[in-house]
Amino acid sequence: MELVIDEVQYVPEAQLAALTSALRRARQKQLPVTMIAAGLPQLIGRMGRAKSYAERLFEFVAIGLLDNVSARDAICLPIEREGETIEDIALSAIVDRTQGYPYFFQEWEKHSWDAADIPCHRGDVDSATRSALAEAMSVKVSSVAPTRNNLIGSRPSMWCRIGCGQRAAFSGGLGCNL
């Protein structure tokens, strides 16, 4: 049996503890159960707090930022599978603005395609920047707001640098001239 879970960082700690205990028990009984999960980097600490043996039970693999070729493939291949196209200059704009961060690919692609006439043009990407950045910020800010850590506390200029190329301190809003 395979268990696949995305966005595990949103699972409440009590449920993480129950899941970890169940998987540990399945392993002890040598049952054919595998879990493949994805989540943000703080997941490792949350799993350890849920059950102290979690860090020994699971293998945590960091994916990190994608290089330029991988980023272009991550954007192009799904588009091509759908029989659609994106202009190379539009693709370059998304790759440049997202700086290899996979979550931002999703946001820029979604908002670019919402704004696009097929094929997707550079102007569509430019038009999508404000909404993509606002969407990305609303998700990231809401996921870290209780502790004001991670992206807000440690890298306050990241949002504006990704969104428009300007560096500006996080001020609770977009903090730059988009």
Foldseek 3Di string as FASTA:
>chain_A
DEAEEEACVPPDLLVLLVVLVVVVVCVVVVHPYYYHYYHDPCVLVSSCVSPVCSPVVDDDDDDDFDPPVVQLCVQAVVCVVVVFDEDPLLSVLQCQLCVRDVVLSVLLSVQLVVQDDTPRYNVSSVVSLVVSLVVVCVVVCVSCVVPCDDCQVPPQQSSVCSRPNDGAGDDVDSGDDD
